[in-house]
């Protein structure tokens, strides 16, 4: 799991520069590329193709709104 704080900072600075920044709480999720998972040369051999395909499919379903992810415990 990766929290893409760099994405949040970049988007915030861009919004400020463009005069579009608004205060308040902002959530960055899969659709905003604010979180992701690591799949690279270091762990590729550990993750079967079927598992990667399933994770990618679930990610697409979450971004598309077909799966609602709870935000409260």
N, C-alpha and C. Protein backbone atom coordinates (compact mmCIF):
# COMPACT_ATOMS: atom_id res chain seq x y z
N UNK A 1 0.84 -1.17 0.00
CA UNK A 1 0.00 0.00 0.00
C UNK A 1 0.89 1.23 0.00
N UNK A 2 0.54 2.19 -0.84
CA UNK A 2 1.30 3.42 -0.94
C UNK A 2 0.35 4.60 -0.79
N UNK A 3 0.64 5.46 0.15
CA UNK A 3 -0.08 6.73 0.27
C UNK A 3 0.67 7.74 -0.57
N UNK A 4 0.04 8.25 -1.59
CA UNK A 4 0.69 9.17 -2.52
C UNK A 4 0.54 10.60 -2.02
N UNK A 5 1.25 10.92 -0.97
CA UNK A 5 1.22 12.27 -0.41
C UNK A 5 1.72 13.27 -1.45
N UNK A 6 2.66 12.83 -2.30
CA UNK A 6 3.16 13.71 -3.35
C UNK A 6 2.04 14.17 -4.27
N UNK A 7 1.09 13.30 -4.56
CA UNK A 7 -0.05 13.66 -5.40
C UNK A 7 -0.91 14.71 -4.71
N UNK A 8 -1.17 14.51 -3.43
CA UNK A 8 -1.98 15.48 -2.68
C UNK A 8 -1.30 16.84 -2.63
N UNK A 9 -0.01 16.86 -2.38
CA UNK A 9 0.73 18.13 -2.32
C UNK A 9 0.73 18.80 -3.69
N UNK A 10 1.03 18.05 -4.74
CA UNK A 10 1.06 18.61 -6.08
C UNK A 10 -0.29 19.20 -6.46
N UNK A 11 -1.37 18.43 -6.25
CA UNK A 11 -2.71 18.91 -6.61
C UNK A 11 -3.08 20.16 -5.83
N UNK A 12 -2.71 20.21 -4.56
CA UNK A 12 -3.02 21.37 -3.72
C UNK A 12 -2.26 22.60 -4.22
N UNK A 13 -0.99 22.45 -4.51
CA UNK A 13 -0.20 23.57 -5.02
C UNK A 13 -0.74 24.04 -6.37
N UNK A 14 -1.08 23.09 -7.24
CA UNK A 14 -1.64 23.44 -8.55
C UNK A 14 -2.94 24.23 -8.39
N UNK A 15 -3.82 23.77 -7.50
CA UNK A 15 -5.08 24.46 -7.27
C UNK A 15 -4.84 25.86 -6.72
N UNK A 16 -3.89 26.00 -5.81
CA UNK A 16 -3.57 27.31 -5.26
C UNK A 16 -3.06 28.24 -6.36
N UNK A 17 -2.16 27.74 -7.17
CA UNK A 17 -1.58 28.53 -8.26
C UNK A 17 -2.67 28.98 -9.25
N UNK A 18 -3.64 28.12 -9.50
CA UNK A 18 -4.71 28.43 -10.46
C UNK A 18 -5.89 29.17 -9.84
N UNK A 19 -5.76 29.54 -8.56
CA UNK A 19 -6.83 30.26 -7.89
C UNK A 19 -8.05 29.41 -7.58
N UNK A 20 -7.87 28.09 -7.51
CA UNK A 20 -8.99 27.17 -7.29
C UNK A 20 -8.94 26.49 -5.92
N UNK A 21 -7.96 26.86 -5.10
CA UNK A 21 -7.81 26.18 -3.81
C UNK A 21 -8.91 26.59 -2.86
N UNK A 22 -9.44 25.61 -2.14
CA UNK A 22 -10.43 25.85 -1.09
C UNK A 22 -10.00 25.09 0.15
N UNK A 23 -10.16 25.72 1.28
CA UNK A 23 -9.81 25.06 2.54
C UNK A 23 -10.77 23.93 2.84
N UNK A 24 -10.39 23.10 3.80
CA UNK A 24 -11.24 22.00 4.23
C UNK A 24 -10.54 20.66 4.08
N UNK A 25 -11.28 19.63 4.32
CA UNK A 25 -10.76 18.27 4.23
C UNK A 25 -10.94 17.78 2.79
N UNK A 26 -9.90 17.20 2.27
CA UNK A 26 -9.97 16.64 0.92
C UNK A 26 -9.44 15.22 0.97
N UNK A 27 -10.17 14.32 0.36
CA UNK A 27 -9.77 12.92 0.34
C UNK A 27 -9.18 12.58 -1.02
N UNK A 28 -8.09 11.85 -1.00
CA UNK A 28 -7.45 11.37 -2.21
C UNK A 28 -7.50 9.85 -2.18
N UNK A 29 -8.23 9.26 -3.10
CA UNK A 29 -8.36 7.81 -3.15
C UNK A 29 -7.78 7.23 -4.42
N UNK A 30 -8.27 6.06 -4.79
CA UNK A 30 -7.77 5.38 -5.98
C UNK A 30 -8.00 6.20 -7.24
N UNK A 31 -9.17 6.80 -7.36
CA UNK A 31 -9.49 7.58 -8.54
C UNK A 31 -8.66 8.83 -8.69
N UNK A 32 -8.18 9.36 -7.57
CA UNK A 32 -7.34 10.56 -7.57
C UNK A 32 -5.86 10.21 -7.59
N UNK A 33 -5.56 8.93 -7.64
CA UNK A 33 -4.20 8.42 -7.56
C UNK A 33 -3.54 8.84 -6.24
N UNK A 34 -4.35 8.90 -5.19
CA UNK A 34 -3.84 9.24 -3.87
C UNK A 34 -3.36 8.03 -3.09
N UNK A 35 -3.82 6.86 -3.48
CA UNK A 35 -3.35 5.59 -2.90
C UNK A 35 -3.19 4.59 -4.03
N UNK A 36 -2.32 3.65 -3.83
CA UNK A 36 -2.10 2.60 -4.82
C UNK A 36 -1.43 1.42 -4.13
N UNK A 37 -1.07 0.44 -4.89
CA UNK A 37 -0.32 -0.68 -4.35
C UNK A 37 0.92 -0.87 -5.20
N UNK A 38 1.91 -1.50 -4.62
CA UNK A 38 3.19 -1.66 -5.31
C UNK A 38 3.21 -2.99 -6.06
N UNK A 39 3.47 -2.89 -7.33
CA UNK A 39 3.69 -4.07 -8.17
C UNK A 39 4.88 -3.72 -9.05
N UNK A 40 6.03 -4.26 -8.71
CA UNK A 40 7.24 -3.91 -9.44
C UNK A 40 8.16 -5.13 -9.55
N UNK A 41 9.36 -4.92 -10.04
CA UNK A 41 10.30 -6.02 -10.25
C UNK A 41 10.68 -6.73 -8.95
N UNK A 42 10.56 -6.04 -7.83
CA UNK A 42 10.93 -6.65 -6.54
C UNK A 42 9.89 -7.65 -6.04
N UNK A 43 8.61 -7.43 -6.36
CA UNK A 43 7.58 -8.34 -5.83
C UNK A 43 6.79 -9.05 -6.92
N UNK A 44 7.09 -8.77 -8.16
CA UNK A 44 6.34 -9.36 -9.29
C UNK A 44 6.31 -10.89 -9.22
N UNK A 45 7.42 -11.50 -8.87
CA UNK A 45 7.49 -12.97 -8.81
C UNK A 45 6.66 -13.54 -7.66
N UNK A 46 6.33 -12.73 -6.69
CA UNK A 46 5.57 -13.19 -5.52
C UNK A 46 4.06 -13.09 -5.71
N UNK A 47 3.63 -12.36 -6.73
CA UNK A 47 2.20 -12.11 -6.94
C UNK A 47 1.77 -12.83 -8.22
N UNK A 48 0.97 -13.88 -8.09
CA UNK A 48 0.51 -14.62 -9.27
C UNK A 48 -0.30 -13.70 -10.21
N UNK A 49 -0.25 -14.00 -11.49
CA UNK A 49 -0.97 -13.20 -12.49
C UNK A 49 -2.46 -13.09 -12.16
N UNK A 50 -3.05 -14.18 -11.68
CA UNK A 50 -4.48 -14.16 -11.35
C UNK A 50 -4.78 -13.19 -10.22
N UNK A 51 -3.89 -13.11 -9.25
CA UNK A 51 -4.08 -12.19 -8.13
C UNK A 51 -3.95 -10.75 -8.61
N UNK A 52 -2.95 -10.47 -9.42
CA UNK A 52 -2.79 -9.12 -9.97
C UNK A 52 -4.01 -8.72 -10.79
N UNK A 53 -4.49 -9.63 -11.62
CA UNK A 53 -5.67 -9.34 -12.44
C UNK A 53 -6.89 -9.04 -11.57
N UNK A 54 -7.04 -9.79 -10.48
CA UNK A 54 -8.18 -9.58 -9.57
C UNK A 54 -8.06 -8.22 -8.87
N UNK A 55 -6.88 -7.89 -8.39
CA UNK A 55 -6.66 -6.61 -7.73
C UNK A 55 -6.91 -5.46 -8.71
N UNK A 56 -6.41 -5.58 -9.93
CA UNK A 56 -6.64 -4.55 -10.95
C UNK A 56 -8.12 -4.39 -11.25
N UNK A 57 -8.84 -5.50 -11.33
CA UNK A 57 -10.27 -5.47 -11.58
C UNK A 57 -11.03 -4.80 -10.44
N UNK A 58 -10.67 -5.15 -9.21
CA UNK A 58 -11.31 -4.53 -8.05
C UNK A 58 -11.02 -3.04 -7.99
N UNK A 59 -9.79 -2.66 -8.32
CA UNK A 59 -9.43 -1.25 -8.34
C UNK A 59 -10.29 -0.50 -9.35
N UNK A 60 -10.46 -1.05 -10.53
CA UNK A 60 -11.29 -0.41 -11.56
C UNK A 60 -12.74 -0.30 -11.10
N UNK A 61 -13.23 -1.32 -10.42
CA UNK A 61 -14.62 -1.29 -9.92
C UNK A 61 -14.80 -0.24 -8.84
N UNK A 62 -13.80 -0.06 -8.00
CA UNK A 62 -13.87 0.97 -6.96
C UNK A 62 -13.87 2.35 -7.59
N UNK A 63 -12.96 2.58 -8.53
CA UNK A 63 -12.87 3.89 -9.20
C UNK A 63 -14.17 4.20 -9.94
N UNK A 64 -14.76 3.18 -10.58
CA UNK A 64 -15.99 3.37 -11.34
C UNK A 64 -17.23 3.52 -10.45
N UNK A 65 -17.07 3.26 -9.15
CA UNK A 65 -18.20 3.40 -8.22
C UNK A 65 -19.06 2.15 -8.10
N UNK A 66 -18.65 1.05 -8.71
CA UNK A 66 -19.43 -0.19 -8.60
C UNK A 66 -19.22 -0.86 -7.24
N UNK A 67 -18.12 -0.56 -6.58
CA UNK A 67 -17.85 -1.05 -5.22
C UNK A 67 -17.67 0.17 -4.34
N UNK A 68 -18.43 0.24 -3.26
CA UNK A 68 -18.33 1.33 -2.31
C UNK A 68 -17.40 0.89 -1.16
N UNK A 69 -16.37 1.64 -0.94
CA UNK A 69 -15.42 1.34 0.13
C UNK A 69 -15.82 2.14 1.36
N UNK A 70 -16.03 1.47 2.49
CA UNK A 70 -16.40 2.21 3.71
C UNK A 70 -15.27 3.12 4.16
N UNK A 71 -15.63 4.29 4.65
CA UNK A 71 -14.63 5.24 5.12
C UNK A 71 -14.64 5.37 6.63
N UNK A 72 -15.58 4.76 7.29
CA UNK A 72 -15.68 4.78 8.75
C UNK A 72 -15.47 3.37 9.27
N UNK A 73 -14.82 3.22 10.43
CA UNK A 73 -14.62 1.87 11.01
C UNK A 73 -15.90 1.23 11.46
